[in-house]
Amino acid sequence: MELKQDPRCYTDVCVDGLWYHYDHCGTKAYILKGGAAPEVDFHKEPKTEDELVALIKALGSVK
């Protein structure tokens, strides 16, 4: 699914049991675990949900 190019939009995805929150038009996502939300940075802006998941998995931060 293509991500809407609107900074008011966001996508939450579950990758290997962890939920990530991504605000569109950016290069950061946050792990949703209550309390402090660890941040992950991407080297580029994802254009699709599949690309977002691939970028998260490529970080190696997925447990």
N, C-alpha and C. Protein backbone atom coordinates (compact mmCIF):
# COMPACT_ATOMS: atom_id res chain seq x y z
N MET A 1 0.84 -1.17 0.00
CA MET A 1 0.00 0.00 0.00
C MET A 1 0.89 1.24 0.00
N GLU A 2 0.59 2.18 -0.87
CA GLU A 2 1.36 3.42 -0.94
C GLU A 2 0.99 4.31 0.24
N LEU A 3 2.02 4.92 0.84
CA LEU A 3 1.80 5.82 1.97
C LEU A 3 1.43 7.20 1.44
N LYS A 4 0.40 7.78 2.01
CA LYS A 4 -0.05 9.11 1.59
C LYS A 4 1.02 10.13 1.95
N GLN A 5 1.37 10.97 1.00
CA GLN A 5 2.41 11.98 1.21
C GLN A 5 1.78 13.21 1.87
N ASP A 6 1.41 13.05 3.14
CA ASP A 6 0.76 14.10 3.92
C ASP A 6 1.30 14.00 5.34
N PRO A 7 1.98 15.02 5.84
CA PRO A 7 2.58 14.95 7.17
C PRO A 7 1.56 14.81 8.30
N ARG A 8 0.28 14.99 8.01
CA ARG A 8 -0.75 14.80 9.04
C ARG A 8 -1.13 13.34 9.19
N CYS A 9 -0.64 12.48 8.30
CA CYS A 9 -0.99 11.05 8.32
C CYS A 9 0.10 10.24 9.02
N TYR A 10 -0.30 9.07 9.50
CA TYR A 10 0.66 8.16 10.12
C TYR A 10 0.25 6.73 9.83
N THR A 11 1.20 5.82 10.05
CA THR A 11 0.95 4.39 9.89
C THR A 11 1.56 3.68 11.08
N ASP A 12 0.80 2.76 11.67
CA ASP A 12 1.31 1.88 12.72
C ASP A 12 1.42 0.49 12.11
N VAL A 13 2.59 -0.15 12.28
CA VAL A 13 2.80 -1.50 11.75
C VAL A 13 3.39 -2.37 12.85
N CYS A 14 3.04 -3.66 12.80
CA CYS A 14 3.60 -4.63 13.73
C CYS A 14 4.64 -5.44 12.97
N VAL A 15 5.87 -5.46 13.50
CA VAL A 15 6.96 -6.22 12.89
C VAL A 15 7.54 -7.13 13.97
N ASP A 16 7.40 -8.41 13.78
CA ASP A 16 7.93 -9.41 14.72
C ASP A 16 7.50 -9.14 16.16
N GLY A 17 6.24 -8.78 16.35
CA GLY A 17 5.69 -8.60 17.69
C GLY A 17 5.87 -7.22 18.30
N LEU A 18 6.56 -6.31 17.62
CA LEU A 18 6.72 -4.94 18.11
C LEU A 18 5.95 -3.99 17.21
N TRP A 19 5.25 -3.04 17.82
CA TRP A 19 4.49 -2.04 17.06
C TRP A 19 5.35 -0.81 16.85
N TYR A 20 5.33 -0.31 15.63
CA TYR A 20 6.07 0.89 15.25
C TYR A 20 5.09 1.94 14.75
N HIS A 21 5.32 3.20 15.15
CA HIS A 21 4.51 4.33 14.71
C HIS A 21 5.36 5.17 13.78
N TYR A 22 4.87 5.41 12.55
CA TYR A 22 5.59 6.21 11.56
C TYR A 22 4.73 7.38 11.13
N ASP A 23 5.22 8.60 11.32
CA ASP A 23 4.56 9.81 10.81
C ASP A 23 5.02 10.01 9.37
N HIS A 24 4.08 10.08 8.44
CA HIS A 24 4.40 10.19 7.02
C HIS A 24 5.28 11.40 6.73
N CYS A 25 6.03 11.32 5.65
CA CYS A 25 6.92 12.39 5.16
C CYS A 25 8.13 12.59 6.07
N GLY A 26 8.57 11.56 6.73
CA GLY A 26 9.73 11.66 7.61
C GLY A 26 10.63 10.45 7.47
N THR A 27 11.67 10.41 8.29
CA THR A 27 12.62 9.30 8.27
C THR A 27 12.80 8.69 9.65
N LYS A 28 11.81 8.83 10.53
CA LYS A 28 11.88 8.27 11.88
C LYS A 28 10.61 7.49 12.19
N ALA A 29 10.77 6.48 13.01
CA ALA A 29 9.63 5.73 13.54
C ALA A 29 9.89 5.54 15.04
N TYR A 30 8.83 5.26 15.77
CA TYR A 30 8.92 5.07 17.20
C TYR A 30 8.33 3.72 17.57
N ILE A 31 9.01 3.02 18.48
CA ILE A 31 8.49 1.75 18.97
C ILE A 31 7.45 2.07 20.03
N LEU A 32 6.26 1.50 19.87
CA LEU A 32 5.17 1.73 20.82
C LEU A 32 5.23 0.67 21.91
N LYS A 33 5.76 1.03 23.08
CA LYS A 33 5.83 0.08 24.17
C LYS A 33 5.44 0.68 25.50
N GLY A 34 4.82 1.85 25.51
CA GLY A 34 4.44 2.48 26.76
C GLY A 34 5.64 3.17 27.39
N GLY A 35 5.41 4.27 28.04
CA GLY A 35 6.51 5.03 28.62
C GLY A 35 7.37 5.65 27.54
N ALA A 36 8.68 5.51 27.68
CA ALA A 36 9.61 6.05 26.69
C ALA A 36 9.45 5.30 25.37
N ALA A 37 9.44 6.04 24.28
CA ALA A 37 9.27 5.43 22.96
C ALA A 37 10.59 5.49 22.21
N PRO A 38 11.35 4.38 22.17
CA PRO A 38 12.61 4.39 21.43
C PRO A 38 12.39 4.76 19.96
N GLU A 39 13.31 5.56 19.45
CA GLU A 39 13.20 6.08 18.09
C GLU A 39 14.17 5.33 17.18
N VAL A 40 13.74 5.07 15.95
CA VAL A 40 14.62 4.50 14.94
C VAL A 40 14.68 5.46 13.76
N ASP A 41 15.84 5.57 13.14
CA ASP A 41 16.04 6.46 12.00
C ASP A 41 16.26 5.65 10.73
N PHE A 42 15.65 6.09 9.65
CA PHE A 42 15.82 5.45 8.35
C PHE A 42 16.76 6.29 7.49
N HIS A 43 17.43 5.65 6.53
CA HIS A 43 18.32 6.38 5.63
C HIS A 43 17.55 7.06 4.50
N LYS A 44 16.26 6.74 4.37
CA LYS A 44 15.42 7.39 3.36
C LYS A 44 13.97 7.33 3.80
N GLU A 45 13.13 8.10 3.14
CA GLU A 45 11.70 8.13 3.44
C GLU A 45 11.00 6.98 2.73
N PRO A 46 10.29 6.12 3.47
CA PRO A 46 9.56 5.03 2.81
C PRO A 46 8.37 5.55 2.02
N LYS A 47 8.10 4.95 0.88
CA LYS A 47 6.98 5.36 0.03
C LYS A 47 5.80 4.40 0.12
N THR A 48 6.04 3.16 0.60
CA THR A 48 4.97 2.17 0.72
C THR A 48 5.06 1.51 2.10
N GLU A 49 3.98 0.85 2.50
CA GLU A 49 3.99 0.14 3.78
C GLU A 49 5.00 -1.00 3.75
N ASP A 50 5.11 -1.71 2.63
CA ASP A 50 6.10 -2.79 2.51
C ASP A 50 7.52 -2.25 2.66
N GLU A 51 7.78 -1.09 2.08
CA GLU A 51 9.10 -0.48 2.20
C GLU A 51 9.36 -0.06 3.65
N LEU A 52 8.34 0.44 4.34
CA LEU A 52 8.46 0.80 5.75
C LEU A 52 8.86 -0.42 6.58
N VAL A 53 8.18 -1.54 6.37
CA VAL A 53 8.49 -2.77 7.10
C VAL A 53 9.92 -3.23 6.77
N ALA A 54 10.31 -3.17 5.51
CA ALA A 54 11.66 -3.58 5.11
C ALA A 54 12.72 -2.70 5.77
N LEU A 55 12.48 -1.41 5.85
CA LEU A 55 13.44 -0.50 6.50
C LEU A 55 13.56 -0.82 7.99
N ILE A 56 12.44 -1.13 8.63
CA ILE A 56 12.48 -1.49 10.06
C ILE A 56 13.28 -2.77 10.24
N LYS A 57 13.00 -3.78 9.42
CA LYS A 57 13.72 -5.05 9.54
C LYS A 57 15.21 -4.89 9.26
N ALA A 58 15.56 -4.00 8.32
CA ALA A 58 16.97 -3.79 7.96
C ALA A 58 17.77 -3.16 9.09
N LEU A 59 17.10 -2.48 10.00
CA LEU A 59 17.80 -1.84 11.11
C LEU A 59 18.38 -2.84 12.09
N GLY A 60 17.82 -4.05 12.09
CA GLY A 60 18.30 -5.05 13.02
C GLY A 60 17.84 -4.81 14.45
N SER A 61 16.93 -3.84 14.63
CA SER A 61 16.45 -3.53 15.98
C SER A 61 15.19 -4.31 16.33
N VAL A 62 14.74 -5.16 15.41
CA VAL A 62 13.55 -5.96 15.66
C VAL A 62 13.95 -7.18 16.45
N LYS A 63 13.31 -7.39 17.56
CA LYS A 63 13.64 -8.51 18.44
C LYS A 63 12.94 -9.77 18.00
